[in-house]
N, C-alpha and C. Protein backbone atom coordinates (compact mmCIF):
# COMPACT_ATOMS: atom_id res chain seq x y z
N UNK A 1 4.57 79.44 120.64
CA UNK A 1 4.54 78.05 121.08
C UNK A 1 5.98 77.58 121.29
N UNK A 2 6.21 76.88 122.38
CA UNK A 2 7.55 76.38 122.69
C UNK A 2 7.91 75.22 121.76
N UNK A 3 9.15 75.24 121.28
CA UNK A 3 9.60 74.17 120.38
C UNK A 3 10.02 72.94 121.18
N UNK A 4 9.82 71.79 120.58
CA UNK A 4 10.19 70.51 121.17
C UNK A 4 11.19 69.84 120.24
N UNK A 5 11.81 68.80 120.73
CA UNK A 5 12.71 67.99 119.92
C UNK A 5 11.96 66.73 119.51
N UNK A 6 11.93 66.44 118.21
CA UNK A 6 11.27 65.25 117.68
C UNK A 6 12.31 64.33 117.05
N UNK A 7 12.08 63.03 117.17
CA UNK A 7 12.98 62.02 116.60
C UNK A 7 12.27 61.36 115.43
N UNK A 8 12.99 61.21 114.33
CA UNK A 8 12.45 60.54 113.14
C UNK A 8 13.45 59.52 112.63
N UNK A 9 12.95 58.39 112.18
CA UNK A 9 13.74 57.43 111.42
C UNK A 9 13.08 57.36 110.05
N UNK A 10 13.80 57.83 109.05
CA UNK A 10 13.27 57.95 107.69
C UNK A 10 14.04 57.01 106.78
N UNK A 11 13.32 56.27 105.95
CA UNK A 11 13.95 55.34 105.01
C UNK A 11 14.10 56.05 103.66
N UNK A 12 15.32 56.14 103.19
CA UNK A 12 15.60 56.74 101.88
C UNK A 12 16.01 55.62 100.92
N UNK A 13 15.44 55.64 99.74
CA UNK A 13 15.78 54.64 98.71
C UNK A 13 16.17 55.37 97.43
N UNK A 14 17.04 54.77 96.62
CA UNK A 14 17.45 55.43 95.37
C UNK A 14 16.26 55.61 94.42
N UNK A 15 16.21 56.74 93.74
CA UNK A 15 15.17 56.98 92.75
C UNK A 15 15.50 56.19 91.48
N UNK A 16 14.51 55.99 90.64
CA UNK A 16 14.70 55.21 89.42
C UNK A 16 15.76 55.79 88.50
N UNK A 17 15.93 57.11 88.52
CA UNK A 17 16.90 57.75 87.63
C UNK A 17 18.32 57.80 88.23
N UNK A 18 18.51 57.23 89.40
CA UNK A 18 19.82 57.21 90.04
C UNK A 18 20.69 56.16 89.35
N UNK A 19 21.85 56.55 88.80
CA UNK A 19 22.70 55.59 88.09
C UNK A 19 23.25 54.48 88.98
N UNK A 20 23.24 54.67 90.29
CA UNK A 20 23.75 53.66 91.22
C UNK A 20 22.62 52.85 91.87
N UNK A 21 21.42 52.92 91.30
CA UNK A 21 20.25 52.27 91.89
C UNK A 21 20.46 50.78 92.13
N UNK A 22 21.10 50.09 91.20
CA UNK A 22 21.29 48.65 91.33
C UNK A 22 22.30 48.29 92.41
N UNK A 23 23.15 49.22 92.78
CA UNK A 23 24.19 48.96 93.78
C UNK A 23 23.76 49.36 95.18
N UNK A 24 22.71 50.13 95.31
CA UNK A 24 22.29 50.66 96.62
C UNK A 24 20.86 50.23 96.92
N UNK A 25 20.63 49.81 98.14
CA UNK A 25 19.28 49.44 98.53
C UNK A 25 18.60 50.51 99.36
N UNK A 26 19.37 51.49 99.81
CA UNK A 26 18.80 52.57 100.59
C UNK A 26 19.49 52.72 101.92
N UNK A 27 18.90 53.55 102.76
CA UNK A 27 19.48 53.82 104.07
C UNK A 27 18.38 54.29 105.02
N UNK A 28 18.59 54.02 106.30
CA UNK A 28 17.74 54.59 107.33
C UNK A 28 18.44 55.81 107.88
N UNK A 29 17.74 56.93 107.89
CA UNK A 29 18.30 58.19 108.35
C UNK A 29 17.62 58.54 109.67
N UNK A 30 18.41 58.63 110.72
CA UNK A 30 17.90 59.00 112.04
C UNK A 30 18.20 60.46 112.28
N UNK A 31 17.20 61.21 112.73
CA UNK A 31 17.44 62.62 112.99
C UNK A 31 16.57 63.13 114.13
N UNK A 32 17.11 64.09 114.82
CA UNK A 32 16.42 64.80 115.88
C UNK A 32 16.25 66.23 115.39
N UNK A 33 15.00 66.70 115.41
CA UNK A 33 14.70 68.00 114.82
C UNK A 33 13.86 68.82 115.80
N UNK A 34 14.20 70.09 115.91
CA UNK A 34 13.44 71.00 116.76
C UNK A 34 12.32 71.62 115.94
N UNK A 35 11.11 71.61 116.52
CA UNK A 35 9.97 72.23 115.85
C UNK A 35 8.84 72.48 116.82
N UNK A 36 7.94 73.36 116.44
CA UNK A 36 6.81 73.68 117.32
C UNK A 36 5.75 72.57 117.29
N UNK A 37 5.69 71.84 116.17
CA UNK A 37 4.76 70.71 116.06
C UNK A 37 5.46 69.55 115.37
N UNK A 38 4.85 68.38 115.46
CA UNK A 38 5.38 67.20 114.80
C UNK A 38 5.54 67.44 113.30
N UNK A 39 4.51 68.00 112.67
CA UNK A 39 4.54 68.21 111.21
C UNK A 39 5.57 69.25 110.80
N UNK A 40 5.74 70.29 111.60
CA UNK A 40 6.76 71.30 111.30
C UNK A 40 8.14 70.66 111.34
N UNK A 41 8.40 69.87 112.37
CA UNK A 41 9.70 69.21 112.50
C UNK A 41 9.91 68.19 111.37
N UNK A 42 8.87 67.43 111.02
CA UNK A 42 8.99 66.45 109.94
C UNK A 42 9.30 67.13 108.62
N UNK A 43 8.64 68.25 108.34
CA UNK A 43 8.91 68.98 107.09
C UNK A 43 10.33 69.52 107.05
N UNK A 44 10.84 69.99 108.19
CA UNK A 44 12.23 70.44 108.25
C UNK A 44 13.17 69.28 107.93
N UNK A 45 12.91 68.13 108.54
CA UNK A 45 13.77 66.96 108.32
C UNK A 45 13.73 66.55 106.85
N UNK A 46 12.55 66.47 106.26
CA UNK A 46 12.43 66.06 104.85
C UNK A 46 13.16 67.03 103.92
N UNK A 47 13.00 68.32 104.15
CA UNK A 47 13.67 69.31 103.30
C UNK A 47 15.19 69.17 103.37
N UNK A 48 15.70 68.99 104.57
CA UNK A 48 17.15 68.88 104.73
C UNK A 48 17.66 67.59 104.09
N UNK A 49 16.97 66.49 104.30
CA UNK A 49 17.40 65.20 103.73
C UNK A 49 17.34 65.25 102.21
N UNK A 50 16.28 65.81 101.65
CA UNK A 50 16.17 65.89 100.19
C UNK A 50 17.23 66.79 99.60
N UNK A 51 17.65 67.81 100.33
CA UNK A 51 18.73 68.68 99.88
C UNK A 51 20.05 67.91 99.86
N UNK A 52 20.27 67.10 100.88
CA UNK A 52 21.53 66.35 101.02
C UNK A 52 21.58 65.10 100.12
N UNK A 53 20.42 64.55 99.80
CA UNK A 53 20.37 63.31 98.98
C UNK A 53 19.37 63.51 97.84
N UNK A 54 19.70 64.31 96.83
CA UNK A 54 18.74 64.63 95.78
C UNK A 54 18.34 63.45 94.89
N UNK A 55 19.11 62.37 94.88
CA UNK A 55 18.79 61.21 94.05
C UNK A 55 18.09 60.11 94.83
N UNK A 56 17.51 60.48 95.99
CA UNK A 56 16.83 59.49 96.81
C UNK A 56 15.37 59.88 97.00
N UNK A 57 14.55 58.89 97.19
CA UNK A 57 13.15 59.07 97.49
C UNK A 57 12.94 58.70 98.96
N UNK A 58 12.13 59.46 99.69
CA UNK A 58 11.94 59.21 101.12
C UNK A 58 10.66 58.43 101.36
N UNK A 59 10.76 57.43 102.21
CA UNK A 59 9.60 56.65 102.64
C UNK A 59 9.32 56.97 104.09
N UNK A 60 8.18 57.64 104.33
CA UNK A 60 7.88 58.07 105.70
C UNK A 60 6.60 57.43 106.17
């Protein structure tokens, strides 16, 4: 199956155990991801974001 480019805007918020939770309200993360399906691309995006921001929870 040919891969497509998907766009996601994901809201990341600090987890309860994040020591900076009171200082941060979160962030919107925009990303373009290549995948064969929407769900494949979304899972790639979530894995990468969680790796880069381990103290954040994602709202999708």
